[in-house]
Amino acid sequence: MHSLSSDKVEIFRWHYFVINQTILFTWVVMAVMTLGAWLITRKMKKKDHTRRWQHFFEVIILGVQKQIEEMVENSRLYVPFIATLFLFIASANFLTIIPGYRAPTASLSTTVALAIIVFVAVPIYGIRQQGFISYLKQYVKPSFFMLPFNIIGELSRTLALAVRLFGNMMSGEKIIAILLSIAPLFLPVVMQALGLLTGFIQAYIFAILAMVYIASATRSHQTHIKGENT
C-alpha cells in the first residue's frame, strides 16, 4: 500500500531541480501517447483499408466530435484540445495495469495543472469567437455588481474540476491498495478492472465539463449568429 503521495517520492534531485514520481509518470504517459500516435499515423491508410488501431482511434475522435457537436457549432475547432485532454487522462488511468506505475491523475498537482489549462483555454476560445470586449461583457451581466461573483464562479469551477478528478482517482487507488493487502487473489483483479472503467469515465467527465465551460464562453456569439441567420 502506498504510504506517500507520488509528489513526495523523489526519483532524482540536483540542487533545486527535482523529479518526483508524478513528473516521471507524466513523462511516461506523454511518451506512450507520442509513440502510439506515431505508430498509428505513420502509415495512414484509406478508410476502406484502415488498420485496427487506426480504426479504434478514429472511433474515439469521431465520438468526441459528436459529443461536441451536441453543444456547439464548428466542432472541429475544439476537437484537438478536448480529445487531447480525454486521451491524456484516459491513458494515464489505463496504465495503472502496469505494476509499480502510479497514475499522475491521482496527484493533486496534476489535476490542478489540467484544470488551469482548461481555465486558460476558456477565455481563449471565448475571445476568439466573440472578440475581447464582447467576451469581457459577460462578466458584468446582468449588472456590473456581478463581476466579483462571476470571477469567483470561474475560479470555483476550476477548483472543483481539479478536486473531482483527484478525489476519484486517489480514492480508487487507495481502495485497490487496501484490497491487495487483505485479499491478494481474485477480488483485487475485479477492483482493478472497475478502476480502469472508473478512470475512463473520469476522463470522459473531465473532457465534457471542459467543453461545457468552453461552450458557455462562446454561446453568446453563436446565439447572435443564429439570430442573424433566421
C-alpha atoms as a PDB file:
ATOM      1  CA  MET A   1       0.000   0.000   0.000  1.00  0.00           C
ATOM      2  CA  HIS A   2       1.364   3.408  -0.993  1.00  0.00           C
ATOM      3  CA  SER A   3       2.036   5.491   2.098  1.00  0.00           C
ATOM      4  CA  LEU A   4       3.394   8.567   0.342  1.00  0.00           C
ATOM      5  CA  SER A   5       1.976  10.846  -2.291  1.00  0.00           C
ATOM      6  CA  SER A   6       3.731  10.443  -5.628  1.00  0.00           C
ATOM      7  CA  ASP A   7       4.623  14.143  -5.361  1.00  0.00           C
ATOM      8  CA  LYS A   8       6.768  13.368  -2.325  1.00  0.00           C
ATOM      9  CA  VAL A   9       8.603  10.376  -3.801  1.00  0.00           C
ATOM     10  CA  GLU A  10      11.752  11.808  -5.357  1.00  0.00           C
ATOM     11  CA  ILE A  11      13.368   9.985  -8.262  1.00  0.00           C
ATOM     12  CA  PHE A  12      16.148  12.456  -8.936  1.00  0.00           C
ATOM     13  CA  ARG A  13      17.406  15.667  -7.305  1.00  0.00           C
ATOM     14  CA  TRP A  14      20.042  18.115  -8.394  1.00  0.00           C
ATOM     15  CA  HIS A  15      20.094  21.206  -6.199  1.00  0.00           C
ATOM     16  CA  TYR A  16      16.605  22.730  -6.646  1.00  0.00           C
ATOM     17  CA  PHE A  17      15.794  20.590  -9.678  1.00  0.00           C
ATOM     18  CA  VAL A  18      13.639  17.656  -8.536  1.00  0.00           C
ATOM     19  CA  ILE A  19      11.954  14.894 -10.494  1.00  0.00           C
ATOM     20  CA  ASN A  20       9.322  13.087  -8.461  1.00  0.00           C
ATOM     21  CA  GLN A  21       7.069  10.159  -9.325  1.00  0.00           C
ATOM     22  CA  THR A  22       4.311  12.411 -10.623  1.00  0.00           C
ATOM     23  CA  ILE A  23       6.619  14.138 -13.110  1.00  0.00           C
ATOM     24  CA  LEU A  24       8.242  10.865 -14.157  1.00  0.00           C
ATOM     25  CA  PHE A  25       4.982   9.044 -14.810  1.00  0.00           C
ATOM     26  CA  THR A  26       3.563  12.108 -16.582  1.00  0.00           C
ATOM     27  CA  TRP A  27       6.527  11.921 -18.947  1.00  0.00           C
ATOM     28  CA  VAL A  28       5.857   8.202 -19.358  1.00  0.00           C
ATOM     29  CA  VAL A  29       2.252   8.912 -20.355  1.00  0.00           C
ATOM     30  CA  MET A  30       3.347  11.587 -22.818  1.00  0.00           C
ATOM     31  CA  ALA A  31       5.973   9.269 -24.290  1.00  0.00           C
ATOM     32  CA  VAL A  32       3.448   6.441 -24.689  1.00  0.00           C
ATOM     33  CA  MET A  33       0.950   8.787 -26.343  1.00  0.00           C
ATOM     34  CA  THR A  34       3.594  10.242 -28.676  1.00  0.00           C
ATOM     35  CA  LEU A  35       4.912   6.818 -29.649  1.00  0.00           C
ATOM     36  CA  GLY A  36       1.394   5.469 -30.094  1.00  0.00           C
ATOM     37  CA  ALA A  37       0.382   8.421 -32.263  1.00  0.00           C
ATOM     38  CA  TRP A  38       3.472   7.947 -34.427  1.00  0.00           C
ATOM     39  CA  LEU A  39       2.957   4.194 -34.829  1.00  0.00           C
ATOM     40  CA  ILE A  40      -0.724   4.628 -35.705  1.00  0.00           C
ATOM     41  CA  THR A  41      -0.321   7.524 -38.130  1.00  0.00           C
ATOM     42  CA  ARG A  42       2.996   6.672 -39.830  1.00  0.00           C
ATOM     43  CA  LYS A  43       1.215   4.504 -42.363  1.00  0.00           C
ATOM     44  CA  MET A  44      -2.191   6.086 -42.613  1.00  0.00           C
ATOM     45  CA  LYS A  45      -4.475   4.192 -44.963  1.00  0.00           C
ATOM     46  CA  LYS A  46      -7.691   4.943 -46.731  1.00  0.00           C
ATOM     47  CA  LYS A  47     -10.937   4.441 -44.871  1.00  0.00           C
ATOM     48  CA  ASP A  48     -11.689   1.116 -46.554  1.00  0.00           C
ATOM     49  CA  HIS A  49      -8.323  -0.332 -45.529  1.00  0.00           C
ATOM     50  CA  THR A  50      -7.738   1.032 -42.041  1.00  0.00           C
ATOM     51  CA  ARG A  51      -5.843  -0.985 -39.503  1.00  0.00           C
ATOM     52  CA  ARG A  52      -7.489  -1.939 -36.224  1.00  0.00           C
ATOM     53  CA  TRP A  53      -5.636   0.593 -34.072  1.00  0.00           C
ATOM     54  CA  GLN A  54      -6.201   3.346 -36.597  1.00  0.00           C
ATOM     55  CA  HIS A  55      -9.882   2.475 -36.738  1.00  0.00           C
ATOM     56  CA  PHE A  56     -10.072   2.368 -32.918  1.00  0.00           C
ATOM     57  CA  PHE A  57      -8.713   5.887 -32.510  1.00  0.00           C
ATOM     58  CA  GLU A  58     -10.807   7.200 -35.374  1.00  0.00           C
ATOM     59  CA  VAL A  59     -13.857   5.940 -33.477  1.00  0.00           C
ATOM     60  CA  ILE A  60     -12.681   7.788 -30.349  1.00  0.00           C
ATOM     61  CA  ILE A  61     -12.058  11.054 -32.199  1.00  0.00           C
ATOM     62  CA  LEU A  62     -15.376  10.849 -34.044  1.00  0.00           C
ATOM     63  CA  GLY A  63     -17.106  10.089 -30.736  1.00  0.00           C
ATOM     64  CA  VAL A  64     -15.539  13.171 -29.147  1.00  0.00           C
ATOM     65  CA  GLN A  65     -16.542  15.266 -32.147  1.00  0.00           C
ATOM     66  CA  LYS A  66     -20.119  14.014 -31.949  1.00  0.00           C
ATOM     67  CA  GLN A  67     -20.327  14.937 -28.267  1.00  0.00           C
ATOM     68  CA  ILE A  68     -19.001  18.422 -29.038  1.00  0.00           C
ATOM     69  CA  GLU A  69     -21.468  18.878 -31.908  1.00  0.00           C
ATOM     70  CA  GLU A  70     -24.313  18.483 -29.440  1.00  0.00           C
ATOM     71  CA  MET A  71     -23.092  21.566 -27.562  1.00  0.00           C
ATOM     72  CA  VAL A  72     -21.550  23.944 -30.102  1.00  0.00           C
ATOM     73  CA  GLU A  73     -21.200  24.579 -33.802  1.00  0.00           C
ATOM     74  CA  ASN A  74     -17.911  24.221 -35.660  1.00  0.00           C
ATOM     75  CA  SER A  75     -16.970  21.232 -33.512  1.00  0.00           C
ATOM     76  CA  ARG A  76     -13.683  20.613 -35.329  1.00  0.00           C
ATOM     77  CA  LEU A  77     -12.286  23.769 -33.761  1.00  0.00           C
ATOM     78  CA  TYR A  78     -12.451  22.162 -30.312  1.00  0.00           C
ATOM     79  CA  VAL A  79     -11.706  18.511 -31.088  1.00  0.00           C
ATOM     80  CA  PRO A  80      -7.868  18.729 -30.815  1.00  0.00           C
ATOM     81  CA  PHE A  81      -7.992  20.271 -27.323  1.00  0.00           C
ATOM     82  CA  ILE A  82     -10.829  18.201 -25.871  1.00  0.00           C
ATOM     83  CA  ALA A  83      -9.627  14.933 -27.426  1.00  0.00           C
ATOM     84  CA  THR A  84      -6.112  15.538 -26.090  1.00  0.00           C
ATOM     85  CA  LEU A  85      -7.469  16.086 -22.578  1.00  0.00           C
ATOM     86  CA  PHE A  86      -9.554  12.929 -22.805  1.00  0.00           C
ATOM     87  CA  LEU A  87      -6.776  10.758 -24.230  1.00  0.00           C
ATOM     88  CA  PHE A  88      -4.189  12.002 -21.724  1.00  0.00           C
ATOM     89  CA  ILE A  89      -6.386  11.333 -18.696  1.00  0.00           C
ATOM     90  CA  ALA A  90      -7.644   8.012 -20.079  1.00  0.00           C
ATOM     91  CA  SER A  91      -4.090   6.872 -20.913  1.00  0.00           C
ATOM     92  CA  ALA A  92      -2.771   7.965 -17.512  1.00  0.00           C
ATOM     93  CA  ASN A  93      -5.508   5.963 -15.804  1.00  0.00           C
ATOM     94  CA  PHE A  94      -5.275   2.920 -18.096  1.00  0.00           C
ATOM     95  CA  LEU A  95      -1.540   2.467 -17.489  1.00  0.00           C
ATOM     96  CA  THR A  96      -2.300   1.545 -13.870  1.00  0.00           C
ATOM     97  CA  ILE A  97      -2.332  -2.064 -15.105  1.00  0.00           C
ATOM     98  CA  ILE A  98       1.489  -1.818 -15.110  1.00  0.00           C
ATOM     99  CA  PRO A  99       2.974  -2.873 -11.736  1.00  0.00           C
ATOM    100  CA  GLY A 100       4.738  -0.026  -9.949  1.00  0.00           C
ATOM    101  CA  TYR A 101       3.045   2.647 -12.002  1.00  0.00           C
ATOM    102  CA  ARG A 102       1.012   5.349 -10.241  1.00  0.00           C
ATOM    103  CA  ALA A 103      -1.391   7.452 -12.256  1.00  0.00           C
ATOM    104  CA  PRO A 104      -0.392  11.140 -12.357  1.00  0.00           C
ATOM    105  CA  THR A 105      -4.111  11.935 -12.124  1.00  0.00           C
ATOM    106  CA  ALA A 106      -4.029  10.641  -8.538  1.00  0.00           C
ATOM    107  CA  SER A 107      -1.849  13.660  -7.726  1.00  0.00           C
ATOM    108  CA  LEU A 108      -3.492  16.984  -6.938  1.00  0.00           C
ATOM    109  CA  SER A 109      -0.680  18.853  -8.698  1.00  0.00           C
ATOM    110  CA  THR A 110      -1.541  17.123 -11.985  1.00  0.00           C
ATOM    111  CA  THR A 111      -5.283  17.654 -11.726  1.00  0.00           C
ATOM    112  CA  VAL A 112      -4.761  21.304 -10.781  1.00  0.00           C
ATOM    113  CA  ALA A 113      -2.488  21.731 -13.804  1.00  0.00           C
ATOM    114  CA  LEU A 114      -5.141  20.204 -16.073  1.00  0.00           C
ATOM    115  CA  ALA A 115      -7.828  22.424 -14.541  1.00  0.00           C
ATOM    116  CA  ILE A 116      -5.633  25.507 -15.062  1.00  0.00           C
ATOM    117  CA  ILE A 117      -5.205  24.548 -18.715  1.00  0.00           C
ATOM    118  CA  VAL A 118      -8.996  24.484 -19.055  1.00  0.00           C
ATOM    119  CA  PHE A 119      -9.229  27.768 -17.115  1.00  0.00           C
ATOM    120  CA  VAL A 120      -6.876  29.423 -19.634  1.00  0.00           C
ATOM    121  CA  ALA A 121      -8.473  27.758 -22.666  1.00  0.00           C
ATOM    122  CA  VAL A 122     -11.996  29.006 -21.857  1.00  0.00           C
ATOM    123  CA  PRO A 123     -11.258  32.738 -22.344  1.00  0.00           C
ATOM    124  CA  ILE A 124      -9.018  31.985 -25.332  1.00  0.00           C
ATOM    125  CA  TYR A 125     -11.850  30.252 -27.156  1.00  0.00           C
ATOM    126  CA  GLY A 126     -14.351  32.811 -25.881  1.00  0.00           C
ATOM    127  CA  ILE A 127     -12.309  35.775 -27.132  1.00  0.00           C
ATOM    128  CA  ARG A 128     -11.643  34.003 -30.410  1.00  0.00           C
ATOM    129  CA  GLN A 129     -15.362  33.557 -31.026  1.00  0.00           C
ATOM    130  CA  GLN A 130     -16.751  36.783 -29.551  1.00  0.00           C
ATOM    131  CA  GLY A 131     -13.914  39.275 -29.518  1.00  0.00           C
ATOM    132  CA  PHE A 132     -12.157  40.692 -26.470  1.00  0.00           C
ATOM    133  CA  ILE A 133     -14.725  43.319 -25.467  1.00  0.00           C
ATOM    134  CA  SER A 134     -17.789  41.127 -26.079  1.00  0.00           C
ATOM    135  CA  TYR A 135     -16.280  38.318 -24.017  1.00  0.00           C
ATOM    136  CA  LEU A 136     -15.478  40.590 -21.070  1.00  0.00           C
ATOM    137  CA  LYS A 137     -19.028  41.947 -21.103  1.00  0.00           C
ATOM    138  CA  GLN A 138     -20.219  38.508 -19.946  1.00  0.00           C
ATOM    139  CA  TYR A 139     -18.628  39.138 -16.557  1.00  0.00           C
ATOM    140  CA  VAL A 140     -20.772  42.227 -15.913  1.00  0.00           C
ATOM    141  CA  LYS A 141     -24.108  40.721 -16.880  1.00  0.00           C
ATOM    142  CA  PRO A 142     -26.811  41.398 -15.826  1.00  0.00           C
ATOM    143  CA  SER A 143     -25.098  44.247 -13.949  1.00  0.00           C
ATOM    144  CA  PHE A 144     -21.583  45.419 -13.058  1.00  0.00           C
ATOM    145  CA  PHE A 145     -22.114  44.258  -9.460  1.00  0.00           C
ATOM    146  CA  MET A 146     -21.974  40.647 -10.709  1.00  0.00           C
ATOM    147  CA  LEU A 147     -18.305  40.988 -11.719  1.00  0.00           C
ATOM    148  CA  PRO A 148     -16.757  39.608  -8.485  1.00  0.00           C
ATOM    149  CA  PHE A 149     -19.314  36.785  -8.327  1.00  0.00           C
ATOM    150  CA  ASN A 150     -18.659  35.771 -11.925  1.00  0.00           C
ATOM    151  CA  ILE A 151     -14.911  35.764 -11.280  1.00  0.00           C
ATOM    152  CA  ILE A 152     -15.377  33.669  -8.148  1.00  0.00           C
ATOM    153  CA  GLY A 153     -17.568  31.309 -10.174  1.00  0.00           C
ATOM    154  CA  GLU A 154     -14.786  30.841 -12.732  1.00  0.00           C
ATOM    155  CA  LEU A 155     -12.246  30.104 -10.006  1.00  0.00           C
ATOM    156  CA  SER A 156     -14.533  27.786  -8.038  1.00  0.00           C
ATOM    157  CA  ARG A 157     -15.428  25.619 -11.025  1.00  0.00           C
ATOM    158  CA  THR A 158     -11.717  25.327 -11.857  1.00  0.00           C
ATOM    159  CA  LEU A 159     -11.043  24.144  -8.303  1.00  0.00           C
ATOM    160  CA  ALA A 160     -13.994  21.741  -8.488  1.00  0.00           C
ATOM    161  CA  LEU A 161     -12.684  20.314 -11.762  1.00  0.00           C
ATOM    162  CA  ALA A 162      -9.300  19.592 -10.195  1.00  0.00           C
ATOM    163  CA  VAL A 163     -10.599  18.203  -6.901  1.00  0.00           C
ATOM    164  CA  ARG A 164     -13.228  15.975  -8.552  1.00  0.00           C
ATOM    165  CA  LEU A 165     -10.683  14.162 -10.715  1.00  0.00           C
ATOM    166  CA  PHE A 166      -8.108  13.956  -7.922  1.00  0.00           C
ATOM    167  CA  GLY A 167     -10.617  12.663  -5.370  1.00  0.00           C
ATOM    168  CA  ASN A 168     -11.990   9.928  -7.595  1.00  0.00           C
ATOM    169  CA  MET A 169      -8.596   8.688  -8.752  1.00  0.00           C
ATOM    170  CA  MET A 170      -6.969   8.842  -5.323  1.00  0.00           C
ATOM    171  CA  SER A 171      -9.857   7.047  -3.614  1.00  0.00           C
ATOM    172  CA  GLY A 172      -9.818   4.308  -6.260  1.00  0.00           C
ATOM    173  CA  GLU A 173      -6.062   3.831  -5.822  1.00  0.00           C
ATOM    174  CA  LYS A 174      -6.379   3.569  -2.039  1.00  0.00           C
ATOM    175  CA  ILE A 175      -9.252   1.076  -2.208  1.00  0.00           C
ATOM    176  CA  ILE A 176      -7.316  -1.205  -4.560  1.00  0.00           C
ATOM    177  CA  ALA A 177      -4.206  -0.987  -2.360  1.00  0.00           C
ATOM    178  CA  ILE A 178      -6.226  -1.931   0.733  1.00  0.00           C
ATOM    179  CA  LEU A 179      -7.844  -4.901  -1.036  1.00  0.00           C
ATOM    180  CA  LEU A 180      -4.445  -6.101  -2.249  1.00  0.00           C
ATOM    181  CA  SER A 181      -3.254  -6.276   1.358  1.00  0.00           C
ATOM    182  CA  ILE A 182      -6.426  -8.028   2.580  1.00  0.00           C
ATOM    183  CA  ALA A 183      -7.368 -10.363  -0.270  1.00  0.00           C
ATOM    184  CA  PRO A 184      -4.489 -10.573  -2.751  1.00  0.00           C
ATOM    185  CA  LEU A 185      -6.117 -13.010  -5.224  1.00  0.00           C
ATOM    186  CA  PHE A 186      -9.337 -12.503  -7.184  1.00  0.00           C
ATOM    187  CA  LEU A 187     -11.069  -9.504  -5.617  1.00  0.00           C
ATOM    188  CA  PRO A 188      -8.282  -7.014  -6.452  1.00  0.00           C
ATOM    189  CA  VAL A 189      -8.426  -8.139 -10.101  1.00  0.00           C
ATOM    190  CA  VAL A 190     -12.111  -7.247 -10.220  1.00  0.00           C
ATOM    191  CA  MET A 191     -11.421  -3.948  -8.491  1.00  0.00           C
ATOM    192  CA  GLN A 192      -8.600  -3.229 -10.917  1.00  0.00           C
ATOM    193  CA  ALA A 193     -10.982  -3.727 -13.837  1.00  0.00           C
ATOM    194  CA  LEU A 194     -13.512  -1.495 -12.110  1.00  0.00           C
ATOM    195  CA  GLY A 195     -10.757   1.058 -11.554  1.00  0.00           C
ATOM    196  CA  LEU A 196      -9.963   1.097 -15.278  1.00  0.00           C
ATOM    197  CA  LEU A 197     -13.626   1.688 -16.056  1.00  0.00           C
ATOM    198  CA  THR A 198     -13.775   4.457 -13.469  1.00  0.00           C
ATOM    199  CA  GLY A 199     -10.649   6.025 -14.934  1.00  0.00           C
ATOM    200  CA  PHE A 200     -12.210   6.024 -18.396  1.00  0.00           C
ATOM    201  CA  ILE A 201     -15.408   7.587 -17.044  1.00  0.00           C
ATOM    202  CA  GLN A 202     -13.440  10.272 -15.188  1.00  0.00           C
ATOM    203  CA  ALA A 203     -11.572  11.136 -18.391  1.00  0.00           C
ATOM    204  CA  TYR A 204     -14.910  11.454 -20.178  1.00  0.00           C
ATOM    205  CA  ILE A 205     -16.432  13.622 -17.435  1.00  0.00           C
ATOM    206  CA  PHE A 206     -13.406  15.935 -17.295  1.00  0.00           C
ATOM    207  CA  ALA A 207     -13.396  16.409 -21.077  1.00  0.00           C
ATOM    208  CA  ILE A 208     -17.156  17.008 -21.216  1.00  0.00           C
ATOM    209  CA  LEU A 209     -17.048  19.549 -18.368  1.00  0.00           C
ATOM    210  CA  ALA A 210     -14.192  21.352 -20.108  1.00  0.00           C
ATOM    211  CA  MET A 211     -16.301  21.532 -23.265  1.00  0.00           C
ATOM    212  CA  VAL A 212     -19.327  22.753 -21.304  1.00  0.00           C
ATOM    213  CA  TYR A 213     -17.243  25.627 -19.900  1.00  0.00           C
ATOM    214  CA  ILE A 214     -15.935  26.490 -23.369  1.00  0.00           C
ATOM    215  CA  ALA A 215     -19.439  26.286 -24.820  1.00  0.00           C
ATOM    216  CA  SER A 216     -20.734  28.706 -22.195  1.00  0.00           C
ATOM    217  CA  ALA A 217     -17.970  31.155 -23.150  1.00  0.00           C
ATOM    218  CA  THR A 218     -18.856  31.038 -26.857  1.00  0.00           C
ATOM    219  CA  ARG A 219     -22.637  30.642 -26.629  1.00  0.00           C
ATOM    220  CA  SER A 220     -23.464  34.360 -26.863  1.00  0.00           C
ATOM    221  CA  HIS A 221     -21.608  34.671 -30.147  1.00  0.00           C
ATOM    222  CA  GLN A 222     -23.263  31.587 -31.620  1.00  0.00           C
ATOM    223  CA  THR A 223     -26.717  32.734 -30.476  1.00  0.00           C
ATOM    224  CA  HIS A 224     -26.108  36.079 -32.163  1.00  0.00           C
ATOM    225  CA  ILE A 225     -25.137  34.359 -35.418  1.00  0.00           C
ATOM    226  CA  LYS A 226     -28.249  32.157 -35.338  1.00  0.00           C
ATOM    227  CA  GLY A 227     -30.381  35.253 -34.762  1.00  0.00           C
ATOM    228  CA  GLU A 228     -28.920  36.924 -37.831  1.00  0.00           C
ATOM    229  CA  ASN A 229     -29.494  33.862 -39.984  1.00  0.00           C
ATOM    230  CA  THR A 230     -33.194  33.495 -39.061  1.00  0.00           C
END
